[in-house]
Amino acid sequence: MQSILLFFHRCLLNILLLMFGLMVIVIIWQVFSRFVLDSAPVWSEELTRYMLVWVTLLGSAYVMHDKNGHIAVTFFADMLPPKFQTFLSVIRCISTYIMAAALTYYGYQHALLGERRISTGLNITMDYAYFSIPIGGALIAFFLTLDLLTKKGAKT
């Protein structure tokens, strides 16, 4: 199970690095075009915006395996007895699953509506941008499940 988790994390990390690198290149091209060539491309800002949403949601899924991946205020939780800390951990996992399910379900419904809209700069249907929401939600649930299974397997 640990090797499956590691494989998916590496694949997702490579996708994130590629997208982030492409974002940097597109932004540099836009700045160069605007200030040197005096004519910025129409598509660059829109592409960067859509890629930022993809990187945010995929990156959020990527850090699900790391206990310190997401910001959390644990000052009061750390003062509680271990039984209550375990209870809070279960509540956190359940609420994360609910949020991921909502992102997946409602994001999918929203993405289907994007087939009817065309972006102005890239001239593509908006479902390419909108599908980042359900895919990100599904990956959050997927990585949380794998993480819980590997922790449970490590305890037995």
C-alpha atoms as a PDB file:
ATOM      1  CA  MET A   1       0.000   0.000   0.000  1.00  0.00           C
ATOM      2  CA  GLN A   2       2.847   2.365   0.813  1.00  0.00           C
ATOM      3  CA  SER A   3       4.338   1.885  -2.663  1.00  0.00           C
ATOM      4  CA  ILE A   4       0.976   2.737  -4.298  1.00  0.00           C
ATOM      5  CA  LEU A   5       0.767   5.915  -2.244  1.00  0.00           C
ATOM      6  CA  LEU A   6       4.333   6.839  -3.117  1.00  0.00           C
ATOM      7  CA  PHE A   7       3.720   6.191  -6.826  1.00  0.00           C
ATOM      8  CA  PHE A   8       0.623   8.419  -6.932  1.00  0.00           C
ATOM      9  CA  HIS A   9       2.367  11.136  -4.949  1.00  0.00           C
ATOM     10  CA  ARG A  10       5.322  11.180  -7.308  1.00  0.00           C
ATOM     11  CA  CYS A  11       3.060  11.287 -10.377  1.00  0.00           C
ATOM     12  CA  LEU A  12       1.027  14.122  -8.902  1.00  0.00           C
ATOM     13  CA  LEU A  13       4.174  15.984  -7.855  1.00  0.00           C
ATOM     14  CA  ASN A  14       5.554  15.750 -11.399  1.00  0.00           C
ATOM     15  CA  ILE A  15       2.273  17.055 -12.818  1.00  0.00           C
ATOM     16  CA  LEU A  16       2.283  19.917 -10.324  1.00  0.00           C
ATOM     17  CA  LEU A  17       5.887  20.825 -11.096  1.00  0.00           C
ATOM     18  CA  LEU A  18       5.195  20.763 -14.819  1.00  0.00           C
ATOM     19  CA  MET A  19       2.114  22.955 -14.472  1.00  0.00           C
ATOM     20  CA  PHE A  20       3.860  25.392 -12.145  1.00  0.00           C
ATOM     21  CA  GLY A  21       6.853  25.634 -14.470  1.00  0.00           C
ATOM     22  CA  LEU A  22       4.564  26.252 -17.423  1.00  0.00           C
ATOM     23  CA  MET A  23       2.765  28.947 -15.431  1.00  0.00           C
ATOM     24  CA  VAL A  24       6.055  30.711 -14.748  1.00  0.00           C
ATOM     25  CA  ILE A  25       7.026  30.554 -18.427  1.00  0.00           C
ATOM     26  CA  VAL A  26       3.649  31.925 -19.536  1.00  0.00           C
ATOM     27  CA  ILE A  27       3.805  34.775 -16.999  1.00  0.00           C
ATOM     28  CA  ILE A  28       7.352  35.674 -18.062  1.00  0.00           C
ATOM     29  CA  TRP A  29       6.193  35.657 -21.696  1.00  0.00           C
ATOM     30  CA  GLN A  30       3.254  37.907 -20.857  1.00  0.00           C
ATOM     31  CA  VAL A  31       5.409  40.426 -18.988  1.00  0.00           C
ATOM     32  CA  PHE A  32       8.001  40.409 -21.779  1.00  0.00           C
ATOM     33  CA  SER A  33       5.320  40.833 -24.436  1.00  0.00           C
ATOM     34  CA  ARG A  34       3.572  43.620 -22.577  1.00  0.00           C
ATOM     35  CA  PHE A  35       6.595  45.746 -21.708  1.00  0.00           C
ATOM     36  CA  VAL A  36       9.052  44.940 -24.496  1.00  0.00           C
ATOM     37  CA  LEU A  37       6.899  44.052 -27.504  1.00  0.00           C
ATOM     38  CA  ASP A  38       4.076  46.370 -26.369  1.00  0.00           C
ATOM     39  CA  SER A  39       1.475  43.715 -27.196  1.00  0.00           C
ATOM     40  CA  ALA A  40       0.494  41.154 -24.559  1.00  0.00           C
ATOM     41  CA  PRO A  41      -1.148  37.933 -25.764  1.00  0.00           C
ATOM     42  CA  VAL A  42      -4.807  37.579 -24.847  1.00  0.00           C
ATOM     43  CA  TRP A  43      -4.559  33.922 -23.845  1.00  0.00           C
ATOM     44  CA  SER A  44      -1.685  34.136 -21.326  1.00  0.00           C
ATOM     45  CA  GLU A  45      -3.536  35.639 -18.376  1.00  0.00           C
ATOM     46  CA  GLU A  46      -6.484  33.307 -18.794  1.00  0.00           C
ATOM     47  CA  LEU A  47      -4.275  30.219 -19.095  1.00  0.00           C
ATOM     48  CA  THR A  48      -2.350  31.231 -15.984  1.00  0.00           C
ATOM     49  CA  ARG A  49      -5.576  31.742 -14.034  1.00  0.00           C
ATOM     50  CA  TYR A  50      -6.916  28.306 -14.965  1.00  0.00           C
ATOM     51  CA  MET A  51      -3.600  26.624 -14.228  1.00  0.00           C
ATOM     52  CA  LEU A  52      -3.470  28.342 -10.831  1.00  0.00           C
ATOM     53  CA  VAL A  53      -6.826  26.799  -9.925  1.00  0.00           C
ATOM     54  CA  TRP A  54      -5.602  23.364 -11.086  1.00  0.00           C
ATOM     55  CA  VAL A  55      -2.328  23.695  -9.150  1.00  0.00           C
ATOM     56  CA  THR A  56      -4.188  24.804  -6.016  1.00  0.00           C
ATOM     57  CA  LEU A  57      -6.637  21.916  -6.004  1.00  0.00           C
ATOM     58  CA  LEU A  58      -4.133  19.251  -7.060  1.00  0.00           C
ATOM     59  CA  GLY A  59      -1.607  20.626  -4.571  1.00  0.00           C
ATOM     60  CA  SER A  60      -4.217  20.481  -1.836  1.00  0.00           C
ATOM     61  CA  ALA A  61      -4.735  16.809  -2.622  1.00  0.00           C
ATOM     62  CA  TYR A  62      -0.977  16.234  -2.742  1.00  0.00           C
ATOM     63  CA  VAL A  63      -0.359  17.454   0.812  1.00  0.00           C
ATOM     64  CA  MET A  64      -3.159  15.322   2.295  1.00  0.00           C
ATOM     65  CA  HIS A  65      -0.669  12.588   3.208  1.00  0.00           C
ATOM     66  CA  ASP A  66       1.538  14.883   5.238  1.00  0.00           C
ATOM     67  CA  LYS A  67       0.390  15.587   8.797  1.00  0.00           C
ATOM     68  CA  ASN A  68       1.806  19.107   8.555  1.00  0.00           C
ATOM     69  CA  GLY A  69       0.807  19.616   4.920  1.00  0.00           C
ATOM     70  CA  HIS A  70      -2.221  21.787   5.605  1.00  0.00           C
ATOM     71  CA  ILE A  71      -2.284  24.611   8.083  1.00  0.00           C
ATOM     72  CA  ALA A  72      -3.936  23.623  11.339  1.00  0.00           C
ATOM     73  CA  VAL A  73      -4.270  25.308  14.700  1.00  0.00           C
ATOM     74  CA  THR A  74      -3.525  22.515  17.173  1.00  0.00           C
ATOM     75  CA  PHE A  75      -2.768  24.536  20.285  1.00  0.00           C
ATOM     76  CA  PHE A  76      -5.904  23.496  22.178  1.00  0.00           C
ATOM     77  CA  ALA A  77      -6.112  20.020  20.654  1.00  0.00           C
ATOM     78  CA  ASP A  78      -2.578  19.245  21.850  1.00  0.00           C
ATOM     79  CA  MET A  79      -3.619  20.030  25.421  1.00  0.00           C
ATOM     80  CA  LEU A  80      -6.380  17.408  25.373  1.00  0.00           C
ATOM     81  CA  PRO A  81      -5.959  13.815  26.545  1.00  0.00           C
ATOM     82  CA  PRO A  82      -5.050  11.288  23.809  1.00  0.00           C
ATOM     83  CA  LYS A  83      -8.605   9.888  23.620  1.00  0.00           C
ATOM     84  CA  PHE A  84     -10.018  13.316  22.818  1.00  0.00           C
ATOM     85  CA  GLN A  85      -7.229  13.962  20.315  1.00  0.00           C
ATOM     86  CA  THR A  86      -8.204  10.737  18.549  1.00  0.00           C
ATOM     87  CA  PHE A  87     -11.858  11.839  18.587  1.00  0.00           C
ATOM     88  CA  LEU A  88     -10.926  15.201  17.061  1.00  0.00           C
ATOM     89  CA  SER A  89      -8.863  13.417  14.424  1.00  0.00           C
ATOM     90  CA  VAL A  90     -11.885  11.309  13.468  1.00  0.00           C
ATOM     91  CA  ILE A  91     -14.058  14.438  13.274  1.00  0.00           C
ATOM     92  CA  ARG A  92     -11.418  16.090  11.073  1.00  0.00           C
ATOM     93  CA  CYS A  93     -11.347  13.111   8.719  1.00  0.00           C
ATOM     94  CA  ILE A  94     -15.135  12.967   8.480  1.00  0.00           C
ATOM     95  CA  SER A  95     -15.403  16.688   7.767  1.00  0.00           C
ATOM     96  CA  THR A  96     -12.657  16.399   5.140  1.00  0.00           C
ATOM     97  CA  TYR A  97     -14.548  13.564   3.451  1.00  0.00           C
ATOM     98  CA  ILE A  98     -17.758  15.626   3.473  1.00  0.00           C
ATOM     99  CA  MET A  99     -15.933  18.592   1.955  1.00  0.00           C
ATOM    100  CA  ALA A 100     -14.259  16.390  -0.667  1.00  0.00           C
ATOM    101  CA  ALA A 101     -17.587  14.762  -1.532  1.00  0.00           C
ATOM    102  CA  ALA A 102     -19.227  18.174  -1.912  1.00  0.00           C
ATOM    103  CA  LEU A 103     -16.376  19.406  -4.115  1.00  0.00           C
ATOM    104  CA  THR A 104     -16.607  16.290  -6.241  1.00  0.00           C
ATOM    105  CA  TYR A 105     -20.382  16.172  -6.613  1.00  0.00           C
ATOM    106  CA  TYR A 106     -21.177  19.862  -7.014  1.00  0.00           C
ATOM    107  CA  GLY A 107     -17.975  20.522  -8.932  1.00  0.00           C
ATOM    108  CA  TYR A 108     -18.949  17.858 -11.437  1.00  0.00           C
ATOM    109  CA  GLN A 109     -22.411  19.397 -11.828  1.00  0.00           C
ATOM    110  CA  HIS A 110     -20.818  22.806 -12.376  1.00  0.00           C
ATOM    111  CA  ALA A 111     -18.248  21.440 -14.812  1.00  0.00           C
ATOM    112  CA  LEU A 112     -20.978  19.943 -16.968  1.00  0.00           C
ATOM    113  CA  LEU A 113     -22.481  23.409 -17.312  1.00  0.00           C
ATOM    114  CA  GLY A 114     -19.108  24.644 -18.544  1.00  0.00           C
ATOM    115  CA  GLU A 115     -19.494  22.695 -21.787  1.00  0.00           C
ATOM    116  CA  ARG A 116     -21.854  25.412 -22.981  1.00  0.00           C
ATOM    117  CA  ARG A 117     -19.495  28.309 -22.254  1.00  0.00           C
ATOM    118  CA  ILE A 118     -16.447  29.283 -24.299  1.00  0.00           C
ATOM    119  CA  SER A 119     -13.507  31.112 -22.759  1.00  0.00           C
ATOM    120  CA  THR A 120     -12.662  34.370 -24.481  1.00  0.00           C
ATOM    121  CA  GLY A 121      -8.878  34.173 -24.469  1.00  0.00           C
ATOM    122  CA  LEU A 122      -8.215  30.493 -25.126  1.00  0.00           C
ATOM    123  CA  ASN A 123     -11.371  29.765 -27.139  1.00  0.00           C
ATOM    124  CA  ILE A 124     -11.954  26.468 -25.301  1.00  0.00           C
ATOM    125  CA  THR A 125     -14.980  25.214 -23.410  1.00  0.00           C
ATOM    126  CA  MET A 126     -14.941  26.142 -19.740  1.00  0.00           C
ATOM    127  CA  ASP A 127     -15.280  22.547 -18.591  1.00  0.00           C
ATOM    128  CA  TYR A 128     -11.485  22.230 -18.909  1.00  0.00           C
ATOM    129  CA  ALA A 129     -11.134  24.804 -16.171  1.00  0.00           C
ATOM    130  CA  TYR A 130     -14.130  23.679 -14.123  1.00  0.00           C
ATOM    131  CA  PHE A 131     -13.172  20.000 -13.990  1.00  0.00           C
ATOM    132  CA  SER A 132     -10.338  20.929 -11.643  1.00  0.00           C
ATOM    133  CA  ILE A 133     -12.907  21.130  -8.835  1.00  0.00           C
ATOM    134  CA  PRO A 134     -14.313  17.569  -8.924  1.00  0.00           C
ATOM    135  CA  ILE A 135     -10.935  16.052  -9.778  1.00  0.00           C
ATOM    136  CA  GLY A 136      -9.323  17.898  -6.865  1.00  0.00           C
ATOM    137  CA  GLY A 137     -12.108  16.798  -4.501  1.00  0.00           C
ATOM    138  CA  ALA A 138     -11.868  13.172  -5.614  1.00  0.00           C
ATOM    139  CA  LEU A 139      -8.077  13.187  -5.203  1.00  0.00           C
ATOM    140  CA  ILE A 140      -8.377  14.676  -1.724  1.00  0.00           C
ATOM    141  CA  ALA A 141     -10.684  11.816  -0.710  1.00  0.00           C
ATOM    142  CA  PHE A 142      -8.444   9.283  -2.478  1.00  0.00           C
ATOM    143  CA  PHE A 143      -5.235  10.404  -0.752  1.00  0.00           C
ATOM    144  CA  LEU A 144      -6.968  10.685   2.614  1.00  0.00           C
ATOM    145  CA  THR A 145      -8.221   7.103   2.216  1.00  0.00           C
ATOM    146  CA  LEU A 146      -4.786   5.815   1.213  1.00  0.00           C
ATOM    147  CA  ASP A 147      -3.221   7.677   4.110  1.00  0.00           C
ATOM    148  CA  LEU A 148      -5.692   6.204   6.600  1.00  0.00           C
ATOM    149  CA  LEU A 149      -5.178   2.703   5.189  1.00  0.00           C
ATOM    150  CA  THR A 150      -1.388   2.953   5.419  1.00  0.00           C
ATOM    151  CA  LYS A 151      -1.595   4.277   8.993  1.00  0.00           C
ATOM    152  CA  LYS A 152      -3.958   1.457   9.941  1.00  0.00           C
ATOM    153  CA  GLY A 153      -1.665  -1.068   8.253  1.00  0.00           C
ATOM    154  CA  ALA A 154       1.319   0.327  10.119  1.00  0.00           C
ATOM    155  CA  LYS A 155      -0.431  -0.116  13.481  1.00  0.00           C
ATOM    156  CA  THR A 156      -1.323  -3.793  12.915  1.00  0.00           C
END
